[in-house]
Amino acid sequence: MNCQPANRQVGFTNGSLENRVRPKWGGFALADVKTFAVEQWLQQIKTVDGKRELAPKTKTHIRSLMHILYDCALRRGFVPLGVNPFGKRLVRIKDASKRNKRRSLTMEQFHRVLRHKLIAEEPYRTMVITAMCLGLRCSELFALKWSDIDFVDLTVNIERAVVKGIFDKPKSKHSEALVPLAPELAEVLRSWKRKSRFHSTDDFVFASPFKGGAAPYFTSAVQHWRLHPAGLAVGISGLGWHTFRHTYRTMLDDAGAPLSVQQELMRHATAQSTLEYGEAMTDSKRKANRKVVRLVLVPQNGRAGKRSLSFPRKPVKPALKLDEIGRGERI
């Protein structure tokens, strides 16, 4: 087992070790750190400023880090062979499996964001359009170089990612792929290339002028100073780069793309991962629901391919004559 984290995880791992794990457990032998004590600690742990409790997802990452540490100790014989005491079945974290509400934008919302003064100027406008049209993760979007874009065959090669200035491969082997480039998006990118000071083959598509083009913009900085305030200004809270990826999946679904195609375009390892992205738009939900209702409630009228819009009438029982009343008939 490799006990070293991937490059893109180094920042979080080192921060968690130095600011969380070491201050609390540094004086204990690993074998003496008990499961329930870790669970109690994670329940009470707060942010560095002490103002709020850590998010369940962050707690889960810290638990996973301790799990990895114990696995490394097992491998090297520092602790007796046995069950890892920091597994998710033993160290339980409240709301760890609870997902935040998925947010997708309508096209009206997207264009309101695009028109906002913080996004309307370049390169932010092209960044947002590219993110929406390709559904890339922000780490992949900002790592793009002009050499990755084939304007002849109309493809984009996703082969690297950048997180906090550290370059690595994309999230998984399924994430490394050629994605189609629509002619309309190709023209948007060509237009930006003509305007950009950094347009050589090996330059980043979104090279930062603050770094002389040697590195791309910081994804978190653009999100904090541009995306988030622009979203709030047009009535959308929590707007971030991943919102565009969710919206891309929603649009694929709304366009009727088969799930297998959606999975390939999202570059997910499984279809289940793809299903966890996006949400049906309101109009689509209404149309889909009505189709089901019509199938259930509107019967065939006897002619193939057509359906009646009226319910079948129940046969009307003939009225009883006065002299039939009392002869066993119930009224």
Protein backbone atom coordinates (compact mmCIF):
# COMPACT_ATOMS: atom_id res chain seq x y z
CA MET A 1 0.00 0.00 0.00
CA ASN A 2 1.22 3.50 -0.80
CA CYS A 3 0.95 5.58 2.34
CA GLN A 4 1.60 8.83 0.52
CA PRO A 5 -1.45 10.85 -0.56
CA ALA A 6 -1.89 11.88 -4.15
CA ASN A 7 -0.49 15.33 -4.97
CA ARG A 8 -3.95 16.89 -5.21
CA GLN A 9 -4.69 15.75 -1.64
CA VAL A 10 -1.44 16.90 -0.04
CA GLY A 11 -2.77 20.26 1.14
CA PHE A 12 -5.78 18.85 2.95
CA THR A 13 -3.87 15.86 4.33
CA ASN A 14 -1.01 17.94 5.77
CA GLY A 15 -3.44 20.48 7.19
CA SER A 16 -5.54 17.80 8.87
CA LEU A 17 -2.49 16.06 10.31
CA GLU A 18 -0.92 19.22 11.71
CA ASN A 19 -4.07 21.07 12.81
CA ARG A 20 -6.35 18.21 13.84
CA VAL A 21 -4.85 14.76 14.34
CA ARG A 22 -1.42 15.58 15.80
CA PRO A 23 -2.58 18.10 18.48
CA LYS A 24 -5.22 15.65 19.75
CA TRP A 25 -3.59 12.26 19.31
CA GLY A 26 0.11 13.00 18.88
CA GLY A 27 0.91 11.87 22.43
CA PHE A 28 -0.76 8.45 22.04
CA ALA A 29 0.53 5.25 20.53
CA LEU A 30 -1.68 4.45 17.55
CA ALA A 31 -2.78 1.16 19.12
CA ASP A 32 -4.02 3.10 22.17
CA VAL A 33 -6.36 5.35 20.19
CA LYS A 34 -9.79 3.86 20.75
CA THR A 35 -12.69 3.83 18.32
CA PHE A 36 -15.29 5.40 20.58
CA ALA A 37 -12.91 8.14 21.70
CA VAL A 38 -12.32 9.12 18.07
CA GLU A 39 -16.08 9.14 17.42
CA GLN A 40 -16.68 11.42 20.42
CA TRP A 41 -13.87 13.72 19.31
CA LEU A 42 -15.24 14.00 15.77
CA GLN A 43 -18.69 14.84 17.12
CA GLN A 44 -17.31 17.85 18.98
CA ILE A 45 -14.57 19.07 16.65
CA LYS A 46 -14.94 22.64 15.38
CA THR A 47 -13.43 24.90 12.75
CA VAL A 48 -10.04 26.49 13.44
CA ASP A 49 -11.69 29.73 14.62
CA GLY A 50 -13.96 27.72 16.93
CA LYS A 51 -17.12 29.39 15.66
CA ARG A 52 -18.90 26.39 14.16
CA GLU A 53 -18.86 22.64 13.98
CA LEU A 54 -16.99 20.98 11.14
CA ALA A 55 -19.08 19.81 8.21
CA PRO A 56 -19.86 16.05 8.15
CA LYS A 57 -17.92 15.69 4.90
CA THR A 58 -14.78 17.18 6.49
CA LYS A 59 -15.16 14.88 9.50
CA THR A 60 -15.44 11.94 7.11
CA HIS A 61 -12.19 12.96 5.41
CA ILE A 62 -10.41 13.12 8.78
CA ARG A 63 -11.75 9.69 9.70
CA SER A 64 -10.52 8.35 6.35
CA LEU A 65 -7.09 9.84 7.02
CA MET A 66 -6.89 8.02 10.37
CA HIS A 67 -8.05 4.84 8.62
CA ILE A 68 -5.18 5.17 6.14
CA LEU A 69 -2.68 5.80 8.93
CA TYR A 70 -3.79 2.64 10.72
CA ASP A 71 -3.61 0.61 7.51
CA CYS A 72 -0.03 1.77 7.02
CA ALA A 73 0.79 0.81 10.61
CA LEU A 74 -0.72 -2.65 10.01
CA ARG A 75 1.31 -3.11 6.86
CA ARG A 76 4.55 -2.24 8.61
CA GLY A 77 3.85 -4.28 11.71
CA PHE A 78 3.53 -1.37 14.14
CA VAL A 79 0.18 -2.68 15.42
CA PRO A 80 -1.19 -6.23 15.64
CA LEU A 81 -3.11 -7.55 12.66
CA GLY A 82 -6.82 -7.06 13.09
CA VAL A 83 -9.80 -4.94 12.13
CA ASN A 84 -9.04 -1.31 11.39
CA PRO A 85 -10.76 0.54 14.28
CA PHE A 86 -11.36 3.69 12.21
CA GLY A 87 -13.66 2.21 9.58
CA LYS A 88 -17.01 3.86 8.85
CA ARG A 89 -18.93 1.01 10.47
CA LEU A 90 -17.13 1.61 13.77
CA VAL A 91 -16.56 5.38 13.82
CA ARG A 92 -19.97 6.83 13.01
CA ILE A 93 -20.44 10.40 11.88
CA LYS A 94 -23.85 12.03 12.02
CA ASP A 95 -25.22 13.06 8.60
CA ALA A 96 -22.10 11.68 6.88
CA SER A 97 -24.25 10.08 4.18
CA LYS A 98 -26.63 13.01 3.92
CA ARG A 99 -26.19 14.91 0.70
CA ASN A 100 -26.75 18.60 0.25
CA LYS A 101 -29.60 19.57 -2.04
CA ARG A 102 -28.37 19.38 -5.59
CA ARG A 103 -28.62 22.67 -7.41
CA SER A 104 -28.97 23.10 -11.15
CA LEU A 105 -29.50 26.36 -12.98
CA THR A 106 -32.24 27.12 -15.44
CA MET A 107 -31.10 28.71 -18.69
CA GLU A 108 -32.67 31.99 -17.58
CA GLN A 109 -30.59 31.92 -14.38
CA PHE A 110 -27.44 30.99 -16.28
CA HIS A 111 -27.79 33.90 -18.68
CA ARG A 112 -28.45 36.29 -15.80
CA VAL A 113 -25.15 35.18 -14.28
CA LEU A 114 -23.40 35.50 -17.65
CA ARG A 115 -24.63 39.11 -18.04
CA HIS A 116 -23.48 40.18 -14.58
CA LYS A 117 -20.57 42.63 -14.66
CA LEU A 118 -18.32 40.31 -12.63
CA ILE A 119 -18.70 37.54 -15.20
CA ALA A 120 -19.33 39.48 -18.44
CA GLU A 121 -15.67 40.46 -18.81
CA GLU A 122 -13.02 38.07 -20.10
CA PRO A 123 -11.69 35.56 -19.33
CA TYR A 124 -14.44 34.89 -16.79
CA ARG A 125 -17.19 34.79 -19.41
CA THR A 126 -15.36 32.12 -21.44
CA MET A 127 -14.53 30.19 -18.26
CA VAL A 128 -18.20 29.98 -17.30
CA ILE A 129 -19.41 29.14 -20.83
CA THR A 130 -16.80 26.37 -21.15
CA ALA A 131 -17.68 24.95 -17.73
CA MET A 132 -21.36 24.87 -18.64
CA CYS A 133 -20.89 23.43 -22.13
CA LEU A 134 -18.45 20.66 -21.19
CA GLY A 135 -19.40 19.88 -17.60
CA LEU A 136 -15.75 19.83 -16.54
CA ARG A 137 -14.60 19.82 -12.94
CA CYS A 138 -12.98 23.15 -12.11
CA SER A 139 -9.65 21.37 -11.53
CA GLU A 140 -9.82 20.12 -15.13
CA LEU A 141 -11.09 23.38 -16.60
CA PHE A 142 -8.26 25.49 -15.20
CA ALA A 143 -5.59 22.92 -16.13
CA LEU A 144 -6.49 23.08 -19.84
CA LYS A 145 -3.77 24.11 -22.27
CA TRP A 146 -4.29 25.23 -25.85
CA SER A 147 -2.55 22.02 -26.93
CA ASP A 148 -5.46 20.06 -25.41
CA ILE A 149 -7.95 21.66 -27.78
CA ASP A 150 -8.15 20.28 -31.31
CA PHE A 151 -9.95 22.87 -33.42
CA VAL A 152 -9.77 20.60 -36.50
CA ASP A 153 -11.22 17.37 -35.12
CA LEU A 154 -13.26 19.34 -32.55
CA THR A 155 -12.18 17.52 -29.39
CA VAL A 156 -10.85 18.49 -25.96
CA ASN A 157 -8.33 16.21 -24.25
CA ILE A 158 -8.76 15.99 -20.48
CA GLU A 159 -5.45 14.69 -19.13
CA ARG A 160 -4.53 16.80 -16.09
CA ALA A 161 -6.04 18.63 -13.13
CA VAL A 162 -4.85 21.38 -10.82
CA VAL A 163 -5.78 21.83 -7.15
CA LYS A 164 -4.32 24.73 -5.15
CA GLY A 165 -1.55 25.12 -7.70
CA ILE A 166 -0.56 21.43 -7.63
CA PHE A 167 -0.88 19.55 -10.93
CA ASP A 168 -1.83 15.90 -11.09
CA LYS A 169 -3.91 13.52 -13.15
CA PRO A 170 -7.70 13.96 -13.13
CA LYS A 171 -9.86 12.45 -10.40
CA SER A 172 -9.93 8.91 -11.85
CA LYS A 173 -8.84 6.97 -14.91
CA HIS A 174 -12.37 7.40 -16.31
CA SER A 175 -11.92 11.17 -16.07
CA GLU A 176 -9.07 11.08 -18.59
CA ALA A 177 -10.81 11.22 -21.94
CA LEU A 178 -11.47 13.06 -25.16
CA VAL A 179 -14.69 15.04 -25.02
CA PRO A 180 -16.50 16.46 -28.04
CA LEU A 181 -16.16 20.16 -28.83
CA ALA A 182 -19.21 21.72 -30.46
CA PRO A 183 -18.42 24.19 -33.29
CA GLU A 184 -20.19 26.99 -31.40
CA LEU A 185 -18.03 26.48 -28.31
CA ALA A 186 -14.95 26.16 -30.52
CA GLU A 187 -15.66 29.65 -31.87
CA VAL A 188 -16.00 31.04 -28.33
CA LEU A 189 -12.60 29.56 -27.43
CA ARG A 190 -11.01 30.80 -30.68
CA SER A 191 -12.27 34.28 -29.92
CA TRP A 192 -10.71 34.17 -26.45
CA LYS A 193 -7.45 32.81 -27.85
CA ARG A 194 -7.20 35.78 -30.20
CA LYS A 195 -7.63 38.18 -27.26
CA SER A 196 -5.41 36.39 -24.76
CA ARG A 197 -1.77 37.36 -24.26
CA PHE A 198 -1.05 33.69 -23.63
CA HIS A 199 -1.97 31.87 -26.84
CA SER A 200 1.02 29.61 -27.50
CA THR A 201 0.49 25.87 -27.76
CA ASP A 202 1.84 25.17 -24.28
CA ASP A 203 0.08 28.10 -22.59
CA PHE A 204 -2.84 27.58 -20.26
CA VAL A 205 -6.20 28.48 -21.73
CA PHE A 206 -6.95 30.51 -18.61
CA ALA A 207 -3.41 31.60 -17.76
CA SER A 208 -3.19 34.13 -14.95
CA PRO A 209 -1.61 37.48 -15.88
CA PHE A 210 -0.77 37.91 -12.18
CA LYS A 211 1.65 34.98 -12.56
CA GLY A 212 2.97 35.97 -15.96
CA GLY A 213 1.02 33.15 -17.60
CA ALA A 214 3.12 30.51 -15.85
CA ALA A 215 0.07 29.14 -14.03
CA PRO A 216 -3.71 29.35 -14.39
CA TYR A 217 -6.03 31.37 -12.20
CA PHE A 218 -6.84 29.92 -8.77
CA THR A 219 -10.25 28.23 -8.98
CA SER A 220 -11.19 29.16 -5.42
CA ALA A 221 -10.27 32.82 -5.93
CA VAL A 222 -12.46 33.15 -9.03
CA GLN A 223 -15.30 31.41 -7.22
CA HIS A 224 -14.96 33.61 -4.13
CA TRP A 225 -14.53 36.98 -5.85
CA ARG A 226 -16.56 36.45 -9.02
CA LEU A 227 -18.98 33.52 -9.10
CA HIS A 228 -20.37 33.68 -5.59
CA PRO A 229 -21.12 37.44 -5.51
CA ALA A 230 -22.50 37.38 -9.07
CA GLY A 231 -24.84 34.57 -8.07
CA LEU A 232 -26.05 36.44 -4.98
CA ALA A 233 -26.64 39.55 -7.08
CA VAL A 234 -29.04 37.66 -9.37
CA GLY A 235 -30.74 35.71 -6.59
CA ILE A 236 -28.72 32.45 -6.58
CA SER A 237 -27.04 31.49 -3.32
CA GLY A 238 -24.05 29.18 -3.17
CA LEU A 239 -23.13 29.45 -6.86
CA GLY A 240 -19.90 27.57 -7.50
CA TRP A 241 -18.03 25.76 -10.23
CA HIS A 242 -19.69 22.44 -9.44
CA THR A 243 -23.09 24.04 -10.05
CA PHE A 244 -22.27 24.09 -13.76
CA ARG A 245 -21.36 20.40 -13.73
CA HIS A 246 -24.69 19.56 -12.09
CA THR A 247 -26.49 21.76 -14.62
CA TYR A 248 -24.69 20.07 -17.52
CA ARG A 249 -25.98 16.67 -16.38
CA THR A 250 -29.46 18.12 -15.97
CA MET A 251 -29.41 19.47 -19.53
CA LEU A 252 -28.19 16.14 -20.91
CA ASP A 253 -31.07 14.41 -19.18
CA ASP A 254 -33.53 17.05 -20.34
CA ALA A 255 -32.30 16.62 -23.93
CA GLY A 256 -33.11 12.91 -23.75
CA ALA A 257 -29.53 11.62 -23.87
CA PRO A 258 -29.31 7.92 -22.87
CA LEU A 259 -27.81 7.29 -19.45
CA SER A 260 -24.81 5.50 -21.00
CA VAL A 261 -24.02 8.60 -23.09
CA GLN A 262 -24.45 10.86 -20.06
CA GLN A 263 -22.04 8.68 -18.11
CA GLU A 264 -19.41 8.95 -20.85
CA LEU A 265 -19.78 12.71 -21.18
CA MET A 266 -19.61 13.16 -17.41
CA ARG A 267 -16.67 10.71 -17.39
CA HIS A 268 -17.96 8.76 -14.41
CA ALA A 269 -16.87 5.24 -13.53
CA THR A 270 -20.46 4.13 -12.92
CA ALA A 271 -23.93 5.19 -14.01
CA GLN A 272 -24.83 5.50 -10.31
CA SER A 273 -22.39 8.39 -9.98
CA THR A 274 -24.03 10.11 -12.94
CA LEU A 275 -27.48 9.72 -11.39
CA GLU A 276 -26.27 11.58 -8.31
CA TYR A 277 -25.72 14.70 -10.42
CA GLY A 278 -28.27 17.23 -11.57
CA GLU A 279 -31.99 17.43 -11.13
CA ALA A 280 -34.86 17.53 -13.58
CA MET A 281 -36.04 21.03 -14.43
CA THR A 282 -39.51 21.99 -13.28
CA ASP A 283 -41.10 21.86 -16.76
CA SER A 284 -39.48 18.49 -17.43
CA LYS A 285 -40.77 17.10 -14.15
CA ARG A 286 -44.28 18.25 -15.00
CA LYS A 287 -44.17 16.78 -18.51
CA ALA A 288 -42.71 13.47 -17.33
CA ASN A 289 -45.25 13.20 -14.54
CA ARG A 290 -48.12 13.92 -16.92
CA LYS A 291 -46.95 11.21 -19.29
CA VAL A 292 -47.06 8.67 -16.46
CA VAL A 293 -50.43 9.87 -15.26
CA ARG A 294 -51.87 9.65 -18.77
CA LEU A 295 -50.58 6.10 -19.13
CA VAL A 296 -52.15 5.10 -15.83
CA LEU A 297 -55.46 6.92 -16.02
CA VAL A 298 -56.29 7.24 -19.72
CA PRO A 299 -57.38 3.85 -21.14
CA GLN A 300 -56.98 2.60 -24.67
CA ASN A 301 -60.02 3.41 -26.81
CA GLY A 302 -59.59 0.29 -28.87
CA ARG A 303 -57.54 1.85 -31.66
CA ALA A 304 -53.80 1.17 -31.75
CA GLY A 305 -51.55 4.16 -31.17
CA LYS A 306 -54.32 6.41 -29.86
CA ARG A 307 -55.63 7.08 -26.41
CA SER A 308 -58.92 8.45 -25.23
CA LEU A 309 -58.92 11.56 -23.04
CA SER A 310 -62.10 10.52 -21.23
CA PHE A 311 -62.72 7.90 -18.58
CA PRO A 312 -64.90 4.90 -19.56
CA ARG A 313 -68.44 5.16 -18.38
CA LYS A 314 -69.73 2.54 -15.98
CA PRO A 315 -72.77 0.62 -17.31
CA VAL A 316 -75.90 2.19 -15.94
CA LYS A 317 -78.09 -0.27 -14.11
CA PRO A 318 -81.76 0.04 -15.20
CA ALA A 319 -84.02 1.55 -12.60
CA LEU A 320 -86.16 -0.88 -10.61
CA LYS A 321 -89.86 -0.90 -11.14
CA LEU A 322 -92.04 -0.30 -8.11
CA ASP A 323 -93.45 -3.85 -8.19
CA GLU A 324 -89.89 -5.32 -8.09
CA ILE A 325 -89.02 -3.68 -4.80
CA GLY A 326 -88.90 -6.25 -2.00
CA ARG A 327 -88.23 -9.27 -4.25
CA GLY A 328 -84.70 -9.81 -3.04
CA GLU A 329 -83.30 -6.66 -4.64
CA ARG A 330 -81.30 -4.37 -2.41
CA ILE A 331 -81.88 -0.70 -2.74
